[in-house]
Amino acid sequence: MKHFLKLTAAGLMLVGLAACTATLNDQDRALLTSASQNAETAKEQATQANSTAQQALQAAQAAQTEAKTASDKADQLYSRSLRK
């Protein structure tokens, strides 16, 4: 999330800089436009990465719960086998 906010701030700064620099030549404007587009792309990728990380966390938590359940069941079966 921190990266997302930094990228958003960087993108806004680039857009603001581009708006305030009417005296820039075409090459500088193109560079600013490209940097702004790159920042937007990076922001989108960060959003996708965050979503993927959230899904991975949920899957890991579900796997942890299933492993605990299986372990508890194995413990019960082992305890029963000792009683016989």
N, C-alpha and C. Protein backbone atom coordinates (compact mmCIF):
# COMPACT_ATOMS: atom_id res chain seq x y z
N MET A 1 0.82 -1.18 0.00
CA MET A 1 0.00 0.00 0.00
C MET A 1 0.87 1.25 0.00
N LYS A 2 2.01 1.21 0.70
CA LYS A 2 2.90 2.36 0.73
C LYS A 2 3.42 2.68 -0.65
N HIS A 3 3.76 1.60 -1.41
CA HIS A 3 4.28 1.80 -2.76
C HIS A 3 3.22 2.45 -3.63
N PHE A 4 1.99 2.00 -3.46
CA PHE A 4 0.87 2.54 -4.23
C PHE A 4 0.73 4.04 -3.97
N LEU A 5 0.81 4.45 -2.71
CA LEU A 5 0.68 5.87 -2.38
C LEU A 5 1.85 6.68 -2.92
N LYS A 6 3.05 6.11 -2.85
CA LYS A 6 4.22 6.81 -3.39
C LYS A 6 4.10 6.98 -4.89
N LEU A 7 3.64 5.93 -5.58
CA LEU A 7 3.48 6.01 -7.02
C LEU A 7 2.40 7.01 -7.41
N THR A 8 1.33 7.03 -6.64
CA THR A 8 0.27 7.99 -6.91
C THR A 8 0.78 9.42 -6.71
N ALA A 9 1.51 9.64 -5.64
CA ALA A 9 2.07 10.97 -5.39
C ALA A 9 3.05 11.35 -6.48
N ALA A 10 3.87 10.41 -6.92
CA ALA A 10 4.83 10.69 -7.98
C ALA A 10 4.11 11.03 -9.28
N GLY A 11 3.06 10.29 -9.56
CA GLY A 11 2.27 10.57 -10.76
C GLY A 11 1.63 11.95 -10.72
N LEU A 12 1.09 12.31 -9.57
CA LEU A 12 0.48 13.63 -9.43
C LEU A 12 1.52 14.74 -9.55
N MET A 13 2.70 14.49 -9.00
CA MET A 13 3.76 15.49 -9.10
C MET A 13 4.18 15.68 -10.55
N LEU A 14 4.27 14.59 -11.28
CA LEU A 14 4.65 14.69 -12.69
C LEU A 14 3.60 15.43 -13.50
N VAL A 15 2.35 15.14 -13.25
CA VAL A 15 1.27 15.84 -13.95
C VAL A 15 1.28 17.32 -13.59
N GLY A 16 1.46 17.61 -12.31
CA GLY A 16 1.53 19.02 -11.89
C GLY A 16 2.72 19.72 -12.49
N LEU A 17 3.84 19.06 -12.54
CA LEU A 17 5.04 19.64 -13.14
C LEU A 17 4.82 19.90 -14.62
N ALA A 18 4.20 18.96 -15.29
CA ALA A 18 3.93 19.14 -16.72
C ALA A 18 3.01 20.33 -16.95
N ALA A 19 2.03 20.51 -16.09
CA ALA A 19 1.08 21.62 -16.24
C ALA A 19 1.73 22.97 -15.97
N CYS A 20 2.73 22.98 -15.09
CA CYS A 20 3.35 24.24 -14.70
C CYS A 20 4.54 24.64 -15.57
N THR A 21 4.91 23.81 -16.49
CA THR A 21 6.13 24.08 -17.26
C THR A 21 5.81 24.29 -18.73
N ALA A 22 5.11 25.33 -19.00
CA ALA A 22 4.71 25.65 -20.37
C ALA A 22 5.91 26.02 -21.23
N THR A 23 7.03 26.34 -20.62
CA THR A 23 8.20 26.77 -21.39
C THR A 23 9.09 25.59 -21.81
N LEU A 24 8.71 24.37 -21.48
CA LEU A 24 9.52 23.21 -21.86
C LEU A 24 9.46 22.96 -23.36
N ASN A 25 10.54 22.42 -23.88
CA ASN A 25 10.54 22.08 -25.30
C ASN A 25 9.78 20.77 -25.51
N ASP A 26 9.59 20.40 -26.76
CA ASP A 26 8.80 19.21 -27.08
C ASP A 26 9.42 17.94 -26.51
N GLN A 27 10.74 17.87 -26.54
CA GLN A 27 11.42 16.68 -26.03
C GLN A 27 11.18 16.53 -24.52
N ASP A 28 11.27 17.64 -23.79
CA ASP A 28 11.01 17.59 -22.35
C ASP A 28 9.56 17.24 -22.05
N ARG A 29 8.64 17.78 -22.84
CA ARG A 29 7.22 17.46 -22.65
C ARG A 29 6.98 15.97 -22.90
N ALA A 30 7.61 15.45 -23.96
CA ALA A 30 7.45 14.03 -24.27
C ALA A 30 8.01 13.17 -23.14
N LEU A 31 9.13 13.61 -22.58
CA LEU A 31 9.73 12.87 -21.47
C LEU A 31 8.81 12.87 -20.25
N LEU A 32 8.23 14.04 -19.96
CA LEU A 32 7.29 14.12 -18.83
C LEU A 32 6.04 13.28 -19.08
N THR A 33 5.55 13.29 -20.30
CA THR A 33 4.38 12.49 -20.64
C THR A 33 4.69 11.01 -20.47
N SER A 34 5.85 10.60 -20.96
CA SER A 34 6.27 9.21 -20.83
C SER A 34 6.42 8.82 -19.36
N ALA A 35 7.03 9.68 -18.56
CA ALA A 35 7.20 9.40 -17.14
C ALA A 35 5.84 9.29 -16.45
N SER A 36 4.92 10.14 -16.84
CA SER A 36 3.58 10.09 -16.25
C SER A 36 2.88 8.78 -16.62
N GLN A 37 3.01 8.37 -17.86
CA GLN A 37 2.41 7.11 -18.30
C GLN A 37 3.06 5.93 -17.57
N ASN A 38 4.38 5.99 -17.42
CA ASN A 38 5.07 4.92 -16.69
C ASN A 38 4.61 4.86 -15.25
N ALA A 39 4.40 6.01 -14.64
CA ALA A 39 3.92 6.03 -13.26
C ALA A 39 2.52 5.44 -13.16
N GLU A 40 1.69 5.73 -14.13
CA GLU A 40 0.33 5.17 -14.14
C GLU A 40 0.38 3.66 -14.31
N THR A 41 1.24 3.19 -15.20
CA THR A 41 1.40 1.75 -15.40
C THR A 41 1.90 1.08 -14.12
N ALA A 42 2.86 1.71 -13.48
CA ALA A 42 3.40 1.17 -12.22
C ALA A 42 2.32 1.13 -11.15
N LYS A 43 1.49 2.14 -11.12
CA LYS A 43 0.39 2.18 -10.15
C LYS A 43 -0.58 1.02 -10.39
N GLU A 44 -0.90 0.78 -11.65
CA GLU A 44 -1.80 -0.33 -11.98
C GLU A 44 -1.17 -1.67 -11.60
N GLN A 45 0.12 -1.82 -11.87
CA GLN A 45 0.81 -3.06 -11.52
C GLN A 45 0.87 -3.24 -10.01
N ALA A 46 1.06 -2.17 -9.29
CA ALA A 46 1.09 -2.25 -7.82
C ALA A 46 -0.28 -2.67 -7.29
N THR A 47 -1.32 -2.16 -7.89
CA THR A 47 -2.68 -2.53 -7.48
C THR A 47 -2.92 -4.02 -7.74
N GLN A 48 -2.47 -4.50 -8.90
CA GLN A 48 -2.62 -5.92 -9.22
C GLN A 48 -1.80 -6.78 -8.27
N ALA A 49 -0.58 -6.35 -7.98
CA ALA A 49 0.28 -7.10 -7.06
C ALA A 49 -0.34 -7.16 -5.67
N ASN A 50 -0.91 -6.06 -5.24
CA ASN A 50 -1.57 -6.03 -3.93
C ASN A 50 -2.74 -7.00 -3.90
N SER A 51 -3.51 -7.03 -4.95
CA SER A 51 -4.65 -7.95 -5.03
C SER A 51 -4.17 -9.39 -5.00
N THR A 52 -3.12 -9.69 -5.76
CA THR A 52 -2.56 -11.04 -5.78
C THR A 52 -2.04 -11.43 -4.40
N ALA A 53 -1.37 -10.51 -3.73
CA ALA A 53 -0.85 -10.78 -2.40
C ALA A 53 -1.98 -11.05 -1.41
N GLN A 54 -3.06 -10.31 -1.52
CA GLN A 54 -4.21 -10.54 -0.64
C GLN A 54 -4.80 -11.93 -0.88
N GLN A 55 -4.89 -12.33 -2.15
CA GLN A 55 -5.42 -13.66 -2.47
C GLN A 55 -4.49 -14.75 -1.93
N ALA A 56 -3.19 -14.53 -2.06
CA ALA A 56 -2.23 -15.50 -1.55
C ALA A 56 -2.32 -15.62 -0.03
N LEU A 57 -2.50 -14.50 0.63
CA LEU A 57 -2.66 -14.51 2.09
C LEU A 57 -3.90 -15.29 2.49
N GLN A 58 -4.99 -15.06 1.81
CA GLN A 58 -6.23 -15.79 2.12
C GLN A 58 -6.05 -17.29 1.89
N ALA A 59 -5.38 -17.66 0.80
CA ALA A 59 -5.14 -19.07 0.52
C ALA A 59 -4.24 -19.69 1.59
N ALA A 60 -3.23 -18.96 2.01
CA ALA A 60 -2.33 -19.46 3.05
C ALA A 60 -3.07 -19.63 4.37
N GLN A 61 -3.93 -18.70 4.69
CA GLN A 61 -4.70 -18.81 5.93
C GLN A 61 -5.65 -20.01 5.88
N ALA A 62 -6.26 -20.23 4.72
CA ALA A 62 -7.15 -21.39 4.57
C ALA A 62 -6.36 -22.68 4.69
N ALA A 63 -5.18 -22.71 4.08
CA ALA A 63 -4.34 -23.91 4.17
C ALA A 63 -3.90 -24.16 5.60
N GLN A 64 -3.61 -23.10 6.32
CA GLN A 64 -3.20 -23.23 7.72
C GLN A 64 -4.35 -23.82 8.55
N THR A 65 -5.54 -23.34 8.31
CA THR A 65 -6.71 -23.85 9.02
C THR A 65 -6.95 -25.33 8.70
N GLU A 66 -6.82 -25.68 7.42
CA GLU A 66 -7.00 -27.08 7.02
C GLU A 66 -5.91 -27.96 7.63
N ALA A 67 -4.69 -27.48 7.67
CA ALA A 67 -3.59 -28.26 8.26
C ALA A 67 -3.83 -28.48 9.75
N LYS A 68 -4.32 -27.46 10.43
CA LYS A 68 -4.61 -27.58 11.86
C LYS A 68 -5.71 -28.61 12.08
N THR A 69 -6.74 -28.55 11.26
CA THR A 69 -7.84 -29.51 11.37
C THR A 69 -7.33 -30.93 11.15
N ALA A 70 -6.51 -31.12 10.12
CA ALA A 70 -5.95 -32.44 9.83
C ALA A 70 -5.06 -32.93 10.96
N SER A 71 -4.28 -32.04 11.51
CA SER A 71 -3.39 -32.40 12.63
C SER A 71 -4.21 -32.82 13.85
N ASP A 72 -5.24 -32.05 14.14
CA ASP A 72 -6.12 -32.39 15.27
C ASP A 72 -6.77 -33.76 15.06
N LYS A 73 -7.23 -34.00 13.83
CA LYS A 73 -7.87 -35.29 13.53
C LYS A 73 -6.85 -36.43 13.69
N ALA A 74 -5.62 -36.22 13.21
CA ALA A 74 -4.57 -37.24 13.35
C ALA A 74 -4.27 -37.50 14.81
N ASP A 75 -4.23 -36.45 15.61
CA ASP A 75 -4.00 -36.61 17.06
C ASP A 75 -5.10 -37.43 17.70
N GLN A 76 -6.34 -37.18 17.32
CA GLN A 76 -7.46 -37.93 17.86
C GLN A 76 -7.37 -39.41 17.49
N LEU A 77 -7.05 -39.67 16.23
CA LEU A 77 -6.94 -41.06 15.78
C LEU A 77 -5.80 -41.77 16.51
N TYR A 78 -4.69 -41.09 16.69
CA TYR A 78 -3.56 -41.67 17.39
C TYR A 78 -3.93 -41.97 18.85
N SER A 79 -4.60 -41.02 19.47
CA SER A 79 -5.01 -41.22 20.88
C SER A 79 -5.96 -42.40 20.99
N ARG A 80 -6.88 -42.55 20.07
CA ARG A 80 -7.81 -43.69 20.09
C ARG A 80 -7.07 -45.00 19.91
N SER A 81 -6.06 -44.99 19.03
CA SER A 81 -5.33 -46.23 18.78
C SER A 81 -4.52 -46.66 20.01
N LEU A 82 -4.10 -45.69 20.81
CA LEU A 82 -3.35 -46.02 22.04
C LEU A 82 -4.26 -46.64 23.10
N ARG A 83 -5.53 -46.25 23.11
CA ARG A 83 -6.47 -46.74 24.10
C ARG A 83 -6.88 -48.18 23.84
N LYS A 84 -6.75 -48.64 22.64
CA LYS A 84 -7.22 -50.01 22.30
C LYS A 84 -6.26 -51.06 22.73
